[in-house]
N, C-alpha and C. Protein backbone atom coordinates (compact mmCIF):
# COMPACT_ATOMS: atom_id res chain seq x y z
N MET A 1 29.63 -160.84 -29.33
CA MET A 1 28.93 -159.76 -28.12
C MET A 1 28.51 -161.02 -27.18
N LYS A 2 28.16 -162.46 -27.78
CA LYS A 2 28.28 -163.84 -26.54
C LYS A 2 29.29 -163.62 -25.56
N GLU A 3 30.40 -163.89 -25.72
CA GLU A 3 31.67 -163.96 -24.93
C GLU A 3 32.15 -162.52 -24.28
N GLU A 4 31.55 -161.34 -24.91
CA GLU A 4 30.76 -160.43 -23.56
C GLU A 4 30.63 -160.66 -22.30
N GLU A 5 29.27 -161.63 -22.71
CA GLU A 5 28.50 -161.79 -20.97
C GLU A 5 29.00 -162.50 -20.13
N SER A 6 28.72 -163.63 -21.35
CA SER A 6 29.85 -164.80 -20.36
C SER A 6 31.01 -164.86 -19.69
N SER A 7 32.37 -163.81 -20.09
CA SER A 7 33.14 -163.95 -19.22
C SER A 7 32.46 -162.34 -17.51
N TRP A 8 31.68 -161.58 -18.14
CA TRP A 8 30.68 -161.16 -17.07
C TRP A 8 30.07 -162.17 -16.24
N LEU A 9 29.16 -162.85 -16.49
CA LEU A 9 28.75 -164.28 -16.08
C LEU A 9 30.49 -165.05 -15.27
N ASN A 10 31.52 -165.30 -15.74
CA ASN A 10 32.11 -165.89 -15.06
C ASN A 10 33.16 -164.86 -14.09
N GLU A 11 33.20 -163.75 -14.13
CA GLU A 11 33.37 -163.41 -13.09
C GLU A 11 32.24 -162.78 -11.36
N CYS A 12 31.29 -163.18 -12.22
CA CYS A 12 29.64 -163.04 -10.84
C CYS A 12 30.20 -164.82 -10.55
N VAL A 13 30.35 -165.39 -11.10
CA VAL A 13 30.33 -166.64 -10.96
C VAL A 13 31.68 -167.40 -9.76
N LYS A 14 32.64 -166.57 -9.73
CA LYS A 14 33.88 -166.59 -9.26
C LYS A 14 33.62 -165.99 -7.49
N VAL A 15 32.34 -164.95 -7.63
CA VAL A 15 32.09 -164.48 -5.72
C VAL A 15 31.06 -165.62 -5.49
N MET A 16 30.58 -166.55 -6.36
CA MET A 16 29.22 -167.12 -5.88
C MET A 16 29.48 -169.11 -6.59
N PRO A 17 30.89 -169.28 -5.69
CA PRO A 17 31.10 -170.67 -6.06
C PRO A 17 30.26 -171.88 -5.99
N ILE A 18 29.54 -172.01 -4.98
CA ILE A 18 28.78 -172.63 -4.98
C ILE A 18 27.52 -173.26 -6.25
N VAL A 19 27.11 -172.16 -7.02
CA VAL A 19 26.77 -171.68 -8.30
C VAL A 19 27.09 -172.79 -8.93
N ARG A 20 28.26 -173.11 -9.31
CA ARG A 20 28.87 -174.36 -10.69
C ARG A 20 28.71 -175.81 -9.66
N ARG A 21 28.78 -175.98 -8.93
CA ARG A 21 28.76 -177.35 -7.95
C ARG A 21 27.05 -177.81 -8.81
N GLY A 22 28.03 -178.53 -9.82
CA GLY A 22 26.40 -179.28 -10.52
C GLY A 22 26.02 -178.84 -11.48
N ARG A 23 25.87 -177.77 -12.10
CA ARG A 23 24.74 -177.26 -12.23
C ARG A 23 25.67 -176.04 -13.36
N LYS A 24 25.61 -176.35 -15.32
CA LYS A 24 25.74 -175.62 -15.95
C LYS A 24 24.93 -173.90 -15.95
N VAL A 25 25.85 -172.98 -15.92
CA VAL A 25 24.47 -171.95 -15.97
C VAL A 25 25.27 -171.41 -17.28
N THR A 26 24.45 -170.87 -18.33
CA THR A 26 24.61 -170.09 -19.59
C THR A 26 23.81 -168.53 -19.73
N ILE A 27 24.31 -167.62 -20.60
CA ILE A 27 23.90 -166.70 -20.42
C ILE A 27 23.69 -165.62 -22.08
N SER A 28 22.96 -165.04 -22.07
CA SER A 28 22.01 -164.76 -23.46
C SER A 28 21.05 -163.08 -23.66
N TYR A 29 21.77 -162.65 -24.31
CA TYR A 29 20.49 -161.76 -24.84
C TYR A 29 19.32 -162.31 -25.22
N ALA A 30 18.26 -161.70 -24.83
CA ALA A 30 16.88 -162.15 -25.15
C ALA A 30 16.10 -161.47 -25.18
N ARG A 31 14.70 -161.38 -26.19
CA ARG A 31 13.83 -160.93 -26.23
C ARG A 31 12.49 -161.15 -24.58
N THR A 32 12.75 -160.34 -24.32
CA THR A 32 11.54 -160.04 -22.89
C THR A 32 11.00 -159.64 -23.06
N PRO A 33 9.99 -158.98 -21.96
CA PRO A 33 9.05 -157.98 -21.70
C PRO A 33 9.53 -156.77 -21.23
N LYS A 34 9.33 -155.67 -21.40
CA LYS A 34 10.01 -154.72 -21.58
C LYS A 34 9.95 -154.22 -19.52
N ASN A 35 8.96 -154.52 -19.21
CA ASN A 35 9.49 -154.25 -17.70
C ASN A 35 10.25 -155.49 -16.71
N VAL A 36 10.81 -156.10 -17.78
CA VAL A 36 11.40 -157.52 -17.71
C VAL A 36 13.12 -157.44 -17.90
N LEU A 37 13.83 -157.04 -16.61
CA LEU A 37 15.05 -156.55 -16.77
C LEU A 37 16.12 -158.01 -17.82
N ALA A 38 15.90 -158.73 -16.51
CA ALA A 38 16.02 -160.10 -17.06
C ALA A 38 16.47 -161.35 -15.86
N ARG A 39 16.05 -162.58 -16.35
CA ARG A 39 14.94 -163.59 -15.87
C ARG A 39 15.94 -165.24 -16.02
N VAL A 40 15.65 -166.08 -14.90
CA VAL A 40 16.20 -167.18 -15.81
C VAL A 40 15.40 -168.07 -15.30
N LYS A 41 16.03 -169.10 -16.47
CA LYS A 41 14.99 -170.22 -16.86
C LYS A 41 15.90 -171.61 -16.53
N GLY A 42 14.81 -172.73 -16.46
CA GLY A 42 15.16 -173.93 -16.19
C GLY A 42 14.13 -174.87 -15.81
N LYS A 43 14.29 -175.99 -16.02
CA LYS A 43 13.18 -177.01 -16.31
C LYS A 43 13.12 -177.48 -14.80
N VAL A 44 12.44 -177.66 -14.09
CA VAL A 44 12.42 -178.38 -13.11
C VAL A 44 11.46 -179.61 -13.04
N LEU A 45 12.51 -180.55 -12.45
CA LEU A 45 12.17 -181.60 -12.72
C LEU A 45 10.84 -182.41 -11.68
N VAL A 46 10.04 -182.75 -12.00
CA VAL A 46 8.35 -183.10 -11.05
C VAL A 46 8.14 -184.20 -11.12
N SER A 47 9.00 -185.78 -10.14
CA SER A 47 8.51 -186.53 -10.23
C SER A 47 7.46 -187.61 -9.86
N ARG A 48 6.12 -188.28 -9.94
CA ARG A 48 5.31 -188.24 -8.62
C ARG A 48 4.98 -190.10 -8.24
N GLU A 49 5.38 -189.91 -7.51
CA GLU A 49 5.34 -191.82 -6.94
C GLU A 49 4.25 -192.12 -6.07
N VAL A 50 3.71 -193.68 -6.92
CA VAL A 50 2.16 -193.36 -5.78
C VAL A 50 2.36 -194.21 -5.15
N ASP A 51 2.54 -194.87 -3.58
CA ASP A 51 2.43 -195.41 -2.84
C ASP A 51 1.62 -197.12 -3.18
N ALA A 52 2.13 -197.83 -3.75
CA ALA A 52 1.59 -199.04 -5.08
C ALA A 52 0.90 -200.06 -3.17
N ALA A 53 2.10 -200.13 -2.73
CA ALA A 53 1.29 -200.84 -1.26
C ALA A 53 0.04 -200.44 -0.68
N ARG A 54 0.16 -198.96 0.06
CA ARG A 54 -0.91 -198.63 0.84
C ARG A 54 -1.96 -198.60 -0.42
N LEU A 55 -2.04 -198.65 -1.81
CA LEU A 55 -3.21 -198.41 -2.35
C LEU A 55 -3.94 -199.96 -2.60
N LEU A 56 -3.07 -201.15 -2.87
CA LEU A 56 -3.88 -202.09 -3.19
C LEU A 56 -4.12 -202.71 -1.55
N LEU A 57 -3.01 -202.47 -0.65
CA LEU A 57 -3.92 -203.34 0.53
C LEU A 57 -4.69 -202.10 1.27
N ARG A 58 -4.81 -201.24 1.13
CA ARG A 58 -5.84 -200.48 2.21
C ARG A 58 -7.11 -199.67 1.28
N GLY A 59 -6.55 -199.48 0.59
CA GLY A 59 -7.39 -199.14 -0.59
C GLY A 59 -7.17 -197.52 -0.53
N GLU A 60 -6.40 -196.85 0.25
CA GLU A 60 -6.20 -195.40 -0.17
C GLU A 60 -5.20 -194.74 -0.94
N VAL A 61 -5.37 -193.76 -1.63
CA VAL A 61 -4.40 -192.88 -2.70
C VAL A 61 -3.07 -192.72 -2.30
N SER A 62 -1.91 -192.51 -2.33
CA SER A 62 -0.97 -191.16 -1.55
C SER A 62 0.24 -191.41 -2.96
N THR A 63 -0.03 -190.81 -2.84
CA THR A 63 1.36 -189.85 -3.66
C THR A 63 2.44 -188.58 -3.48
N LYS A 64 2.91 -188.96 -3.73
CA LYS A 64 4.08 -187.63 -3.44
C LYS A 64 4.99 -187.18 -4.65
N MET A 65 5.11 -185.87 -4.65
CA MET A 65 5.20 -185.03 -5.93
C MET A 65 7.03 -184.65 -5.12
N ARG A 66 7.90 -184.68 -6.10
CA ARG A 66 8.99 -184.90 -5.83
C ARG A 66 9.29 -183.35 -6.69
N ARG A 67 9.83 -182.62 -6.31
CA ARG A 67 10.75 -181.16 -7.15
C ARG A 67 12.23 -180.94 -7.07
N ARG A 68 12.67 -181.54 -8.05
CA ARG A 68 14.15 -181.29 -8.20
C ARG A 68 14.68 -179.89 -9.30
N MET A 69 15.71 -179.64 -8.64
CA MET A 69 16.25 -178.58 -9.34
C MET A 69 16.73 -179.11 -10.76
N PRO A 70 17.09 -178.12 -11.16
CA PRO A 70 17.56 -178.42 -12.89
C PRO A 70 18.98 -178.24 -12.78
N LYS A 71 19.74 -179.02 -13.83
CA LYS A 71 20.72 -179.09 -13.77
C LYS A 71 21.34 -177.66 -15.04
N GLU A 72 20.67 -177.95 -15.44
CA GLU A 72 20.96 -176.78 -16.49
C GLU A 72 19.91 -175.10 -16.16
N TYR A 73 20.90 -174.17 -16.26
CA TYR A 73 19.82 -173.10 -16.07
C TYR A 73 20.47 -171.64 -17.25
N VAL A 74 19.42 -171.02 -18.05
CA VAL A 74 19.77 -169.75 -18.39
C VAL A 74 19.59 -168.43 -18.30
N ILE A 75 19.92 -167.91 -18.30
CA ILE A 75 19.58 -166.37 -17.57
C ILE A 75 19.99 -165.84 -18.82
N GLN A 76 18.61 -165.33 -18.96
CA GLN A 76 17.73 -163.95 -20.39
C GLN A 76 18.19 -162.57 -19.73
N ILE A 77 19.42 -161.85 -20.79
CA ILE A 77 19.15 -160.81 -20.56
C ILE A 77 18.05 -159.74 -21.70
N ASN A 78 17.28 -158.95 -20.93
CA ASN A 78 16.52 -157.73 -21.84
C ASN A 78 17.74 -157.60 -23.02
N GLU A 79 17.17 -157.57 -24.35
CA GLU A 79 17.98 -157.44 -25.57
C GLU A 79 18.22 -156.06 -25.81
N ASN A 80 16.86 -155.25 -25.01
CA ASN A 80 17.67 -153.91 -25.16
C ASN A 80 18.48 -153.08 -24.29
N ILE A 81 18.83 -153.90 -22.91
CA ILE A 81 20.62 -153.53 -22.50
C ILE A 81 21.75 -153.02 -23.39
N SER A 82 21.65 -154.53 -24.13
CA SER A 82 22.66 -154.46 -25.04
C SER A 82 22.83 -153.02 -25.94
N ARG A 83 21.93 -152.31 -25.91
CA ARG A 83 21.86 -150.98 -26.88
C ARG A 83 22.19 -149.91 -25.52
N ILE A 84 23.09 -150.37 -24.42
CA ILE A 84 23.74 -148.48 -23.14
C ILE A 84 25.53 -149.29 -24.33
N PRO A 85 24.97 -147.33 -24.84
CA PRO A 85 26.44 -147.74 -25.85
C PRO A 85 27.79 -147.90 -25.33
N GLU A 86 27.97 -147.27 -24.19
CA GLU A 86 29.16 -147.32 -23.25
C GLU A 86 29.24 -149.15 -22.72
N THR A 87 30.28 -149.28 -22.64
CA THR A 87 30.77 -150.61 -22.01
C THR A 87 30.50 -151.32 -21.35
N ALA A 88 31.47 -150.27 -20.22
CA ALA A 88 31.91 -150.15 -18.76
C ALA A 88 30.41 -150.45 -17.97
N LEU A 89 29.81 -149.22 -18.58
CA LEU A 89 28.49 -149.61 -17.94
C LEU A 89 27.38 -150.73 -18.23
N ARG A 90 27.59 -150.79 -19.23
CA ARG A 90 27.04 -151.79 -19.99
C ARG A 90 26.76 -153.44 -19.14
N GLN A 91 28.58 -153.31 -18.73
CA GLN A 91 29.00 -154.29 -17.47
C GLN A 91 28.45 -154.75 -16.38
N GLN A 92 28.72 -152.86 -15.76
CA GLN A 92 28.29 -152.96 -14.52
C GLN A 92 26.66 -153.50 -14.35
N VAL A 93 25.76 -152.75 -15.05
CA VAL A 93 24.47 -153.63 -15.45
C VAL A 93 24.11 -154.50 -15.72
N VAL A 94 24.71 -155.36 -16.36
CA VAL A 94 24.45 -156.80 -16.83
C VAL A 94 25.28 -157.70 -15.50
N GLN A 95 26.02 -157.40 -14.50
CA GLN A 95 26.71 -157.79 -13.49
C GLN A 95 25.48 -158.45 -12.93
N TYR A 96 25.18 -156.63 -12.61
CA TYR A 96 23.91 -156.42 -11.17
C TYR A 96 22.99 -157.54 -11.29
N LEU A 97 22.72 -157.76 -12.77
CA LEU A 97 21.33 -158.61 -12.97
C LEU A 97 21.48 -159.79 -12.73
N ILE A 98 23.23 -160.16 -13.60
CA ILE A 98 23.47 -161.93 -13.20
C ILE A 98 23.75 -161.97 -11.64
N ILE A 99 23.59 -161.26 -11.14
CA ILE A 99 24.14 -161.70 -9.34
C ILE A 99 22.67 -161.68 -9.20
N HIS A 100 21.93 -161.16 -9.56
CA HIS A 100 20.22 -161.03 -8.54
C HIS A 100 19.44 -162.00 -9.32
N GLU A 101 20.40 -162.72 -10.26
CA GLU A 101 19.25 -164.30 -11.20
C GLU A 101 20.34 -165.31 -10.37
N LEU A 102 21.39 -164.92 -10.48
CA LEU A 102 22.80 -166.84 -9.24
C LEU A 102 21.76 -166.13 -7.93
N LEU A 103 21.49 -165.25 -7.86
CA LEU A 103 20.96 -165.28 -6.45
C LEU A 103 19.88 -166.03 -5.91
N HIS A 104 18.46 -166.28 -7.07
CA HIS A 104 17.46 -166.77 -7.46
C HIS A 104 18.04 -168.37 -7.09
N ILE A 105 18.69 -168.32 -8.03
CA ILE A 105 19.56 -170.32 -8.03
C ILE A 105 19.46 -170.45 -6.98
N LEU A 106 20.20 -169.30 -5.85
CA LEU A 106 21.05 -170.33 -4.89
C LEU A 106 19.63 -170.34 -3.93
N ASN A 107 19.02 -169.39 -3.92
CA ASN A 107 17.78 -169.45 -2.99
C ASN A 107 16.61 -170.61 -3.93
N LYS A 108 16.45 -171.54 -4.60
CA LYS A 108 16.14 -171.97 -5.02
C LYS A 108 14.70 -171.37 -5.37
N ASP A 109 14.45 -170.61 -6.10
CA ASP A 109 13.21 -170.01 -6.19
C ASP A 109 12.46 -170.33 -6.97
N LEU A 110 13.24 -170.75 -8.02
CA LEU A 110 12.71 -171.79 -9.24
C LEU A 110 11.41 -172.37 -8.54
N LEU A 111 12.09 -173.60 -7.26
CA LEU A 111 11.13 -174.71 -7.16
C LEU A 111 9.72 -173.72 -6.72
N THR A 112 10.21 -172.80 -5.65
CA THR A 112 9.42 -172.62 -4.67
C THR A 112 7.97 -171.63 -6.13
N LEU A 113 8.68 -171.32 -6.88
CA LEU A 113 7.61 -170.44 -7.89
C LEU A 113 7.28 -171.99 -8.94
N SER A 114 7.33 -172.75 -9.43
CA SER A 114 6.96 -173.84 -9.75
C SER A 114 5.81 -174.96 -9.37
N LYS A 115 5.32 -174.66 -7.82
CA LYS A 115 3.83 -174.74 -6.67
C LYS A 115 3.02 -174.37 -7.27
N LYS A 116 2.10 -175.16 -6.83
CA LYS A 116 0.89 -173.89 -7.48
C LYS A 116 0.94 -172.74 -5.98
N TYR A 117 -0.40 -172.02 -6.78
CA TYR A 117 -0.12 -170.55 -5.66
C TYR A 117 -0.58 -170.86 -4.57
N GLY A 118 -1.34 -171.59 -4.04
CA GLY A 118 -1.59 -172.03 -2.52
C GLY A 118 -0.50 -172.11 -1.55
N MET A 119 0.39 -172.71 -2.46
CA MET A 119 1.64 -173.85 -1.91
C MET A 119 2.95 -172.38 -1.10
N ARG A 120 2.72 -171.55 -2.52
CA ARG A 120 4.05 -170.50 -2.79
C ARG A 120 3.34 -169.50 -2.11
N LYS A 121 2.30 -168.66 -1.42
CA LYS A 121 1.94 -167.27 -1.26
C LYS A 121 2.90 -167.24 -0.80
N GLU A 122 3.35 -167.95 0.72
CA GLU A 122 3.82 -167.49 2.23
C GLU A 122 4.95 -166.97 1.72
N LYS A 123 5.62 -168.22 0.82
CA LYS A 123 7.38 -167.44 0.47
C LYS A 123 7.62 -166.24 -0.01
N LYS A 124 8.03 -164.87 0.38
CA LYS A 124 8.62 -163.76 -0.11
C LYS A 124 9.89 -163.88 -0.54
N ILE A 125 9.60 -163.37 -1.50
CA ILE A 125 11.09 -163.90 -2.59
C ILE A 125 12.68 -162.63 -2.52
N HIS A 126 11.37 -161.36 -3.22
CA HIS A 126 12.74 -160.21 -2.41
C HIS A 126 11.69 -159.88 -1.14
N THR A 127 13.31 -160.19 -0.06
CA THR A 127 13.04 -159.86 1.32
C THR A 127 14.32 -158.83 1.22
N SER A 128 13.91 -157.86 2.07
CA SER A 128 15.71 -156.73 2.72
C SER A 128 17.22 -157.92 2.73
N GLN A 129 16.45 -159.17 3.27
CA GLN A 129 17.84 -159.68 3.34
C GLN A 129 18.24 -160.12 2.17
N PHE A 130 17.45 -160.69 1.21
CA PHE A 130 17.94 -160.15 0.03
C PHE A 130 18.42 -159.23 -0.69
N ASP A 131 18.24 -158.37 -0.93
CA ASP A 131 18.74 -157.05 -0.90
C ASP A 131 20.26 -157.02 -0.86
N LYS A 132 20.19 -157.80 0.70
CA LYS A 132 21.73 -156.94 1.75
C LYS A 132 22.65 -158.26 0.62
N GLU A 133 21.70 -158.77 0.74
CA GLU A 133 22.71 -160.06 -0.11
C GLU A 133 23.64 -159.95 -1.31
N LEU A 134 22.73 -159.08 -2.33
CA LEU A 134 22.90 -158.58 -3.82
C LEU A 134 24.02 -157.69 -3.46
N LEU A 135 23.84 -157.10 -3.05
CA LEU A 135 24.85 -155.54 -2.54
C LEU A 135 26.35 -156.17 -2.21
N SER A 136 26.23 -156.86 -1.23
CA SER A 136 27.38 -157.60 -0.28
C SER A 136 28.08 -158.68 -2.14
N ARG A 137 27.11 -159.25 -2.61
CA ARG A 137 28.18 -159.68 -4.20
C ARG A 137 28.24 -158.39 -5.01
N TYR A 138 27.38 -158.12 -4.52
CA TYR A 138 28.14 -157.16 -5.91
C TYR A 138 29.11 -156.78 -5.86
N ASN A 139 29.35 -156.33 -4.75
CA ASN A 139 30.15 -155.27 -4.33
C ASN A 139 31.54 -156.15 -3.98
N GLN A 140 31.66 -156.86 -4.04
CA GLN A 140 32.85 -158.56 -4.32
C GLN A 140 33.15 -158.52 -5.41
N VAL A 141 32.40 -157.78 -6.38
CA VAL A 141 32.44 -158.14 -8.25
C VAL A 141 33.03 -156.78 -8.30
N ARG A 142 32.52 -155.96 -7.78
CA ARG A 142 33.13 -154.64 -7.72
C ARG A 142 34.79 -154.18 -7.28
N ILE A 143 35.13 -154.86 -6.40
CA ILE A 143 36.38 -154.66 -5.75
C ILE A 143 37.03 -155.92 -6.85
N ASN A 144 36.25 -157.32 -6.78
CA ASN A 144 37.56 -157.82 -7.67
C ASN A 144 38.03 -156.90 -9.12
N SER A 145 37.39 -156.07 -9.42
CA SER A 145 37.26 -155.37 -10.81
C SER A 145 38.38 -154.05 -9.96
N GLY A 146 38.53 -153.35 -9.54
CA GLY A 146 39.47 -152.49 -9.05
C GLY A 146 38.83 -151.88 -8.47
N MET A 147 36.73 -151.89 -8.09
CA MET A 147 35.93 -150.11 -8.65
C MET A 147 36.01 -150.43 -6.88
N LYS A 148 35.43 -149.27 -6.07
CA LYS A 148 34.81 -148.49 -5.14
C LYS A 148 33.46 -149.51 -5.19
N PRO A 149 33.45 -149.67 -3.61
CA PRO A 149 32.01 -150.77 -3.10
C PRO A 149 30.82 -149.89 -3.58
N ILE A 150 29.85 -150.11 -3.70
CA ILE A 150 28.17 -148.99 -2.96
C ILE A 150 28.00 -149.32 -2.02
N LYS A 151 27.24 -148.36 -1.38
CA LYS A 151 27.70 -148.26 0.39
C LYS A 151 25.65 -148.54 0.47
N ASN A 152 24.75 -148.22 -0.54
CA ASN A 152 23.11 -148.68 -0.37
C ASN A 152 22.25 -149.05 -1.71
N HIS A 153 21.74 -150.03 -1.29
CA HIS A 153 21.26 -151.12 -2.52
C HIS A 153 20.17 -149.56 -3.07
N ARG A 154 19.41 -148.96 -2.69
CA ARG A 154 17.94 -148.88 -2.89
C ARG A 154 18.50 -147.41 -4.16
N ILE A 155 20.22 -146.79 -3.78
CA ILE A 155 20.63 -146.03 -4.12
C ILE A 155 21.63 -146.73 -5.69
N LEU A 156 21.58 -148.28 -5.23
CA LEU A 156 22.30 -148.67 -6.77
C LEU A 156 21.22 -149.23 -7.18
N GLU A 157 20.25 -149.81 -7.23
CA GLU A 157 18.31 -149.69 -7.38
C GLU A 157 18.05 -148.62 -8.87
N GLU A 158 18.11 -147.40 -8.32
CA GLU A 158 18.07 -146.17 -8.94
C GLU A 158 18.97 -145.81 -10.31
N ALA A 159 20.05 -146.05 -9.18
CA ALA A 159 20.75 -146.07 -10.95
C ALA A 159 21.46 -146.89 -11.83
N VAL A 160 20.44 -147.98 -11.48
CA VAL A 160 19.98 -149.11 -12.61
C VAL A 160 19.07 -148.80 -13.54
N ASN A 161 17.83 -148.43 -12.56
CA ASN A 161 17.00 -148.19 -13.40
C ASN A 161 16.94 -146.80 -13.98
N GLN A 162 17.65 -146.16 -13.60
CA GLN A 162 17.21 -144.53 -14.74
C GLN A 162 18.33 -144.60 -16.07
N ILE A 163 19.39 -145.68 -15.73
CA ILE A 163 20.36 -145.87 -16.87
C ILE A 163 19.35 -146.71 -17.74
N VAL A 164 18.47 -147.88 -17.25
CA VAL A 164 17.85 -148.70 -17.79
C VAL A 164 16.74 -148.04 -19.05
N SER A 165 15.84 -147.16 -18.24
CA SER A 165 14.99 -146.32 -18.50
C SER A 165 15.26 -145.54 -19.99
N LYS A 166 16.80 -145.18 -20.27
CA LYS A 166 16.60 -144.59 -21.13
C LYS A 166 17.43 -145.32 -22.59
N VAL A 167 17.07 -146.97 -22.40
CA VAL A 167 16.96 -148.00 -22.92
C VAL A 167 16.28 -148.37 -23.65
N ILE A 168 15.14 -148.73 -22.71
CA ILE A 168 14.19 -149.57 -23.14
C ILE A 168 12.85 -148.77 -23.72
N PRO A 169 12.20 -148.44 -24.23
CA PRO A 169 11.57 -147.93 -24.91
C PRO A 169 10.23 -147.85 -24.10
N SER A 170 9.43 -146.90 -23.69
CA SER A 170 8.28 -147.16 -22.54
C SER A 170 7.17 -147.10 -23.38
């Protein structure tokens, strides 16, 4: 099954070539909470720099925190999704989730979420612009596979939730 989701990841990355630049993205099924369909993990590099001259000459402490995007990411898909019996249906659900997580990588949402709550509460992650981008990238993957595009994001999300609710116990 490992080759299955890896090939689907490669199909999704073809419509988002910027993801591959300097980054390694892998995918696997994993145990996740039942309300989490997929998540992306990556270790954010945090470096703390102290301005030594300012400290020694003026007696003032000045530190800079730098957060850098990770070089490697792992997309974890809820293992219950692997129980969808029809391969073509499972492929569509997994590709939808992959594109969702790849957009989080492109938008650098891991950096935002690694900050303290007070610093990140202003940034909204799932906006209508995010949903439009998700739908357009997903439709590009569908067109490359020879399928018709979907017109409305809300209908797509409802369909995915309906399929997933059958395999994930409540």
